[in-house]
Amino acid sequence: MVCRGCCGNPGKHPDSDHAWQLERLRAGAAASGGRFAVRTTDCLGPCDQAAVIVVQPSTAGRRAGGRATWGGFAMDDDCPDDLLRWAEAGGPGLATPSATPELQFIRPPREALARARL
């Protein structure tokens, strides 16, 4: 899930190519043969940590203990490829992310945690 609220606003982050980043993620998902998908949402919440991306585990990943992983500060050009490699390897619960995305992991906002418990 890729935030495209203020995280994708070129006015807020003029040095980032938001459209390219989303296109790169979608191209990687398409190349995966349907193993994973990229969705967008208007706002994920922690706007001070933009851009925010949430990686959901697969069914197998969830069975192995994987949980939704929130990443912030995902603005550089390497970020999409790092996330795609992790997703292709299995994602949360099945694969260990490389050091770069792991350094960008953030805690989900309390509101998101409350909704998840409903």
N, C-alpha and C. Protein backbone atom coordinates (compact mmCIF):
# COMPACT_ATOMS: atom_id res chain seq x y z
N MET A 1 0.86 -1.15 0.00
CA MET A 1 0.00 0.00 0.00
C MET A 1 0.91 1.23 0.00
N VAL A 2 0.72 2.09 -0.97
CA VAL A 2 1.55 3.27 -1.13
C VAL A 2 0.71 4.51 -0.85
N CYS A 3 1.18 5.34 0.06
CA CYS A 3 0.47 6.58 0.37
C CYS A 3 0.64 7.55 -0.80
N ARG A 4 -0.46 8.10 -1.25
CA ARG A 4 -0.42 9.11 -2.30
C ARG A 4 -1.16 10.37 -1.86
N GLY A 5 -1.35 10.53 -0.56
CA GLY A 5 -1.88 11.78 -0.04
C GLY A 5 -0.77 12.81 -0.12
N CYS A 6 -0.42 13.41 0.98
CA CYS A 6 0.68 14.38 0.95
C CYS A 6 2.01 13.71 0.63
N CYS A 7 2.13 12.40 0.88
CA CYS A 7 3.37 11.69 0.56
C CYS A 7 3.68 11.75 -0.94
N GLY A 8 2.66 11.77 -1.75
CA GLY A 8 2.85 11.80 -3.19
C GLY A 8 2.70 13.17 -3.79
N ASN A 9 2.68 14.18 -2.95
CA ASN A 9 2.49 15.55 -3.42
C ASN A 9 3.84 16.15 -3.84
N PRO A 10 4.00 16.43 -5.14
CA PRO A 10 5.27 17.01 -5.60
C PRO A 10 5.59 18.35 -4.94
N GLY A 11 4.57 19.07 -4.48
CA GLY A 11 4.82 20.33 -3.79
C GLY A 11 5.49 20.13 -2.44
N LYS A 12 5.17 19.03 -1.76
CA LYS A 12 5.76 18.74 -0.46
C LYS A 12 7.17 18.17 -0.60
N HIS A 13 7.36 17.36 -1.63
CA HIS A 13 8.66 16.71 -1.85
C HIS A 13 9.06 16.90 -3.31
N PRO A 14 9.47 18.11 -3.67
CA PRO A 14 9.74 18.41 -5.09
C PRO A 14 10.94 17.68 -5.68
N ASP A 15 11.83 17.16 -4.86
CA ASP A 15 13.02 16.48 -5.38
C ASP A 15 12.80 14.99 -5.63
N SER A 16 11.60 14.50 -5.38
CA SER A 16 11.30 13.08 -5.59
C SER A 16 10.39 12.92 -6.79
N ASP A 17 10.64 11.87 -7.56
CA ASP A 17 9.81 11.56 -8.72
C ASP A 17 8.73 10.57 -8.29
N HIS A 18 7.64 11.10 -7.77
CA HIS A 18 6.57 10.30 -7.21
C HIS A 18 5.93 9.38 -8.24
N ALA A 19 5.70 9.89 -9.43
CA ALA A 19 5.07 9.09 -10.48
C ALA A 19 5.98 7.92 -10.87
N TRP A 20 7.29 8.19 -11.02
CA TRP A 20 8.22 7.12 -11.37
C TRP A 20 8.25 6.05 -10.30
N GLN A 21 8.28 6.47 -9.04
CA GLN A 21 8.34 5.51 -7.94
C GLN A 21 7.14 4.56 -7.98
N LEU A 22 5.95 5.12 -8.16
CA LEU A 22 4.75 4.30 -8.21
C LEU A 22 4.76 3.41 -9.46
N GLU A 23 5.17 3.94 -10.59
CA GLU A 23 5.26 3.15 -11.82
C GLU A 23 6.23 1.99 -11.64
N ARG A 24 7.37 2.24 -10.99
CA ARG A 24 8.37 1.20 -10.77
C ARG A 24 7.81 0.09 -9.89
N LEU A 25 7.11 0.47 -8.82
CA LEU A 25 6.50 -0.53 -7.95
C LEU A 25 5.45 -1.35 -8.70
N ARG A 26 4.62 -0.68 -9.48
CA ARG A 26 3.58 -1.39 -10.25
C ARG A 26 4.19 -2.30 -11.31
N ALA A 27 5.25 -1.86 -11.97
CA ALA A 27 5.92 -2.70 -12.96
C ALA A 27 6.50 -3.95 -12.31
N GLY A 28 7.08 -3.79 -11.14
CA GLY A 28 7.62 -4.93 -10.41
C GLY A 28 6.54 -5.90 -9.99
N ALA A 29 5.41 -5.38 -9.57
CA ALA A 29 4.28 -6.25 -9.20
C ALA A 29 3.77 -7.00 -10.42
N ALA A 30 3.67 -6.30 -11.54
CA ALA A 30 3.20 -6.95 -12.77
C ALA A 30 4.17 -8.05 -13.20
N ALA A 31 5.46 -7.81 -13.05
CA ALA A 31 6.47 -8.80 -13.43
C ALA A 31 6.48 -10.00 -12.48
N SER A 32 5.87 -9.86 -11.32
CA SER A 32 5.85 -10.96 -10.35
C SER A 32 4.85 -12.04 -10.72
N GLY A 33 4.09 -11.83 -11.78
CA GLY A 33 3.10 -12.82 -12.19
C GLY A 33 1.93 -12.91 -11.22
N GLY A 34 1.61 -11.81 -10.57
CA GLY A 34 0.47 -11.80 -9.65
C GLY A 34 0.79 -12.25 -8.24
N ARG A 35 2.06 -12.44 -7.93
CA ARG A 35 2.42 -12.86 -6.57
C ARG A 35 2.18 -11.76 -5.55
N PHE A 36 2.22 -10.50 -6.00
CA PHE A 36 1.88 -9.39 -5.11
C PHE A 36 1.34 -8.24 -5.94
N ALA A 37 0.69 -7.32 -5.27
CA ALA A 37 0.05 -6.18 -5.94
C ALA A 37 0.45 -4.89 -5.24
N VAL A 38 0.31 -3.80 -5.96
CA VAL A 38 0.57 -2.47 -5.40
C VAL A 38 -0.74 -1.71 -5.43
N ARG A 39 -1.12 -1.21 -4.29
CA ARG A 39 -2.32 -0.39 -4.19
C ARG A 39 -1.93 0.97 -3.64
N THR A 40 -2.78 1.95 -3.87
CA THR A 40 -2.54 3.29 -3.33
C THR A 40 -3.70 3.67 -2.43
N THR A 41 -3.42 4.62 -1.56
CA THR A 41 -4.44 5.17 -0.68
C THR A 41 -4.17 6.65 -0.53
N ASP A 42 -5.18 7.37 -0.10
CA ASP A 42 -5.03 8.82 0.03
C ASP A 42 -4.09 9.22 1.15
N CYS A 43 -4.19 8.58 2.30
CA CYS A 43 -3.32 8.96 3.42
C CYS A 43 -3.20 7.79 4.39
N LEU A 44 -1.97 7.50 4.79
CA LEU A 44 -1.73 6.46 5.78
C LEU A 44 -1.47 7.00 7.18
N GLY A 45 -1.28 8.30 7.29
CA GLY A 45 -1.20 8.88 8.62
C GLY A 45 0.06 9.59 9.03
N PRO A 46 1.19 8.91 9.14
CA PRO A 46 2.36 9.61 9.68
C PRO A 46 3.03 10.50 8.63
N CYS A 47 2.39 11.62 8.33
CA CYS A 47 2.82 12.51 7.24
C CYS A 47 4.23 13.08 7.46
N ASP A 48 4.67 13.16 8.70
CA ASP A 48 6.01 13.67 8.97
C ASP A 48 7.09 12.65 8.61
N GLN A 49 6.68 11.43 8.23
CA GLN A 49 7.63 10.39 7.87
C GLN A 49 7.46 9.97 6.40
N ALA A 50 6.94 10.87 5.60
CA ALA A 50 6.64 10.58 4.19
C ALA A 50 7.91 10.28 3.41
N ALA A 51 7.75 9.47 2.45
CA ALA A 51 6.60 8.76 1.93
C ALA A 51 6.44 7.45 2.71
N VAL A 52 5.20 7.09 2.94
CA VAL A 52 4.89 5.91 3.73
C VAL A 52 4.41 4.79 2.81
N ILE A 53 4.95 3.61 3.05
CA ILE A 53 4.56 2.41 2.30
C ILE A 53 4.34 1.30 3.32
N VAL A 54 3.24 0.55 3.17
CA VAL A 54 2.95 -0.58 4.04
C VAL A 54 3.04 -1.86 3.21
N VAL A 55 3.84 -2.80 3.69
CA VAL A 55 3.98 -4.09 3.01
C VAL A 55 3.22 -5.14 3.83
N GLN A 56 2.19 -5.70 3.21
CA GLN A 56 1.38 -6.73 3.86
C GLN A 56 2.00 -8.11 3.60
N PRO A 57 1.96 -9.01 4.57
CA PRO A 57 2.47 -10.35 4.32
C PRO A 57 1.50 -11.15 3.45
N SER A 58 2.03 -12.13 2.76
CA SER A 58 1.20 -13.08 2.03
C SER A 58 0.51 -13.98 3.05
N THR A 59 -0.36 -14.85 2.58
CA THR A 59 -0.99 -15.81 3.49
C THR A 59 0.06 -16.68 4.16
N ALA A 60 1.02 -17.16 3.37
CA ALA A 60 2.09 -17.98 3.94
C ALA A 60 2.94 -17.16 4.91
N GLY A 61 3.19 -15.91 4.57
CA GLY A 61 3.96 -15.05 5.45
C GLY A 61 3.24 -14.79 6.77
N ARG A 62 1.93 -14.62 6.69
CA ARG A 62 1.14 -14.40 7.91
C ARG A 62 1.17 -15.66 8.79
N ARG A 63 1.05 -16.83 8.15
CA ARG A 63 1.12 -18.09 8.91
C ARG A 63 2.48 -18.25 9.59
N ALA A 64 3.52 -17.70 8.96
CA ALA A 64 4.87 -17.78 9.53
C ALA A 64 5.15 -16.67 10.54
N GLY A 65 4.13 -15.87 10.86
CA GLY A 65 4.29 -14.82 11.88
C GLY A 65 4.50 -13.43 11.32
N GLY A 66 4.47 -13.27 10.00
CA GLY A 66 4.65 -11.95 9.40
C GLY A 66 3.47 -11.04 9.67
N ARG A 67 3.74 -9.80 9.86
CA ARG A 67 2.71 -8.78 10.07
C ARG A 67 2.96 -7.63 9.12
N ALA A 68 1.96 -6.80 8.95
CA ALA A 68 2.12 -5.62 8.09
C ALA A 68 3.32 -4.82 8.58
N THR A 69 4.15 -4.43 7.64
CA THR A 69 5.36 -3.69 7.97
C THR A 69 5.26 -2.30 7.36
N TRP A 70 5.39 -1.31 8.20
CA TRP A 70 5.29 0.09 7.79
C TRP A 70 6.69 0.64 7.54
N GLY A 71 6.84 1.29 6.41
CA GLY A 71 8.10 1.94 6.08
C GLY A 71 7.87 3.42 5.83
N GLY A 72 8.78 4.22 6.28
CA GLY A 72 8.68 5.66 6.07
C GLY A 72 9.94 6.19 5.42
N PHE A 73 9.89 7.45 5.09
CA PHE A 73 11.03 8.12 4.47
C PHE A 73 11.45 7.43 3.17
N ALA A 74 10.46 6.88 2.46
CA ALA A 74 10.72 6.11 1.23
C ALA A 74 10.72 7.05 0.03
N MET A 75 11.71 7.91 -0.04
CA MET A 75 11.74 8.92 -1.08
C MET A 75 12.83 8.73 -2.12
N ASP A 76 13.86 7.95 -1.82
CA ASP A 76 14.97 7.88 -2.77
C ASP A 76 14.67 6.88 -3.90
N ASP A 77 15.47 6.95 -4.94
CA ASP A 77 15.24 6.13 -6.13
C ASP A 77 15.49 4.65 -5.90
N ASP A 78 16.27 4.28 -4.89
CA ASP A 78 16.55 2.87 -4.62
C ASP A 78 15.43 2.18 -3.85
N CYS A 79 14.60 2.94 -3.19
CA CYS A 79 13.56 2.38 -2.33
C CYS A 79 12.64 1.40 -3.06
N PRO A 80 12.10 1.74 -4.23
CA PRO A 80 11.21 0.77 -4.89
C PRO A 80 11.90 -0.56 -5.17
N ASP A 81 13.14 -0.53 -5.64
CA ASP A 81 13.84 -1.78 -5.94
C ASP A 81 14.12 -2.59 -4.68
N ASP A 82 14.48 -1.92 -3.60
CA ASP A 82 14.70 -2.62 -2.34
C ASP A 82 13.43 -3.32 -1.87
N LEU A 83 12.31 -2.63 -1.94
CA LEU A 83 11.03 -3.21 -1.52
C LEU A 83 10.60 -4.34 -2.46
N LEU A 84 10.82 -4.16 -3.75
CA LEU A 84 10.45 -5.20 -4.71
C LEU A 84 11.27 -6.48 -4.48
N ARG A 85 12.56 -6.34 -4.23
CA ARG A 85 13.40 -7.51 -3.95
C ARG A 85 12.88 -8.26 -2.73
N TRP A 86 12.50 -7.51 -1.70
CA TRP A 86 11.99 -8.13 -0.47
C TRP A 86 10.66 -8.85 -0.75
N ALA A 87 9.77 -8.19 -1.48
CA ALA A 87 8.48 -8.81 -1.81
C ALA A 87 8.69 -10.06 -2.67
N GLU A 88 9.58 -9.99 -3.64
CA GLU A 88 9.85 -11.14 -4.50
C GLU A 88 10.43 -12.31 -3.71
N ALA A 89 11.18 -12.00 -2.66
CA ALA A 89 11.75 -13.05 -1.81
C ALA A 89 10.74 -13.62 -0.84
N GLY A 90 9.57 -13.02 -0.73
CA GLY A 90 8.52 -13.53 0.15
C GLY A 90 7.93 -12.51 1.09
N GLY A 91 8.64 -11.42 1.36
CA GLY A 91 8.10 -10.34 2.20
C GLY A 91 8.01 -10.72 3.67
N PRO A 92 7.20 -9.97 4.43
CA PRO A 92 7.11 -10.17 5.88
C PRO A 92 6.78 -11.62 6.26
N GLY A 93 7.55 -12.16 7.18
CA GLY A 93 7.33 -13.51 7.67
C GLY A 93 8.11 -14.57 6.92
N LEU A 94 8.51 -14.28 5.68
CA LEU A 94 9.20 -15.28 4.87
C LEU A 94 10.61 -14.88 4.46
N ALA A 95 10.88 -13.60 4.42
CA ALA A 95 12.19 -13.14 3.95
C ALA A 95 12.67 -11.99 4.83
N THR A 96 13.96 -11.91 4.97
CA THR A 96 14.57 -10.81 5.71
C THR A 96 14.83 -9.67 4.74
N PRO A 97 14.37 -8.47 5.07
CA PRO A 97 14.64 -7.34 4.18
C PRO A 97 16.12 -6.95 4.23
N SER A 98 16.58 -6.31 3.17
CA SER A 98 17.95 -5.80 3.21
C SER A 98 18.01 -4.67 4.24
N ALA A 99 19.20 -4.22 4.52
CA ALA A 99 19.40 -3.22 5.58
C ALA A 99 18.69 -1.90 5.29
N THR A 100 18.67 -1.47 4.04
CA THR A 100 18.09 -0.15 3.75
C THR A 100 16.61 -0.07 4.09
N PRO A 101 15.75 -0.96 3.59
CA PRO A 101 14.34 -0.84 3.99
C PRO A 101 14.15 -1.04 5.48
N GLU A 102 14.94 -1.93 6.07
CA GLU A 102 14.80 -2.18 7.51
C GLU A 102 15.07 -0.91 8.32
N LEU A 103 16.02 -0.10 7.87
CA LEU A 103 16.30 1.16 8.55
C LEU A 103 15.14 2.15 8.42
N GLN A 104 14.28 1.95 7.42
CA GLN A 104 13.17 2.86 7.18
C GLN A 104 11.87 2.39 7.83
N PHE A 105 11.89 1.25 8.53
CA PHE A 105 10.68 0.77 9.18
C PHE A 105 10.25 1.76 10.27
N ILE A 106 8.96 1.99 10.33
CA ILE A 106 8.39 2.89 11.34
C ILE A 106 7.27 2.17 12.06
N ARG A 107 6.92 2.71 13.20
CA ARG A 107 5.77 2.17 13.93
C ARG A 107 4.50 2.68 13.27
N PRO A 108 3.50 1.82 13.13
CA PRO A 108 2.23 2.29 12.56
C PRO A 108 1.57 3.28 13.51
N PRO A 109 0.82 4.22 12.97
CA PRO A 109 0.14 5.17 13.84
C PRO A 109 -0.89 4.45 14.71
N ARG A 110 -1.13 4.99 15.86
CA ARG A 110 -2.07 4.38 16.81
C ARG A 110 -3.44 4.16 16.19
N GLU A 111 -3.87 5.08 15.37
CA GLU A 111 -5.18 4.95 14.74
C GLU A 111 -5.23 3.68 13.88
N ALA A 112 -4.18 3.42 13.14
CA ALA A 112 -4.14 2.22 12.30
C ALA A 112 -4.16 0.96 13.17
N LEU A 113 -3.46 0.98 14.28
CA LEU A 113 -3.48 -0.17 15.19
C LEU A 113 -4.87 -0.39 15.76
N ALA A 114 -5.55 0.68 16.13
CA ALA A 114 -6.90 0.55 16.67
C ALA A 114 -7.84 -0.05 15.64
N ARG A 115 -7.75 0.40 14.40
CA ARG A 115 -8.60 -0.14 13.32
C ARG A 115 -8.29 -1.60 13.08
N ALA A 116 -7.04 -1.99 13.16
CA ALA A 116 -6.65 -3.38 12.90
C ALA A 116 -7.22 -4.32 13.96
N ARG A 117 -7.45 -3.81 15.14
CA ARG A 117 -7.99 -4.65 16.22
C ARG A 117 -9.50 -4.82 16.13
N LEU A 118 -10.17 -4.04 15.30
CA LEU A 118 -11.63 -4.15 15.19
C LEU A 118 -12.09 -5.42 14.55
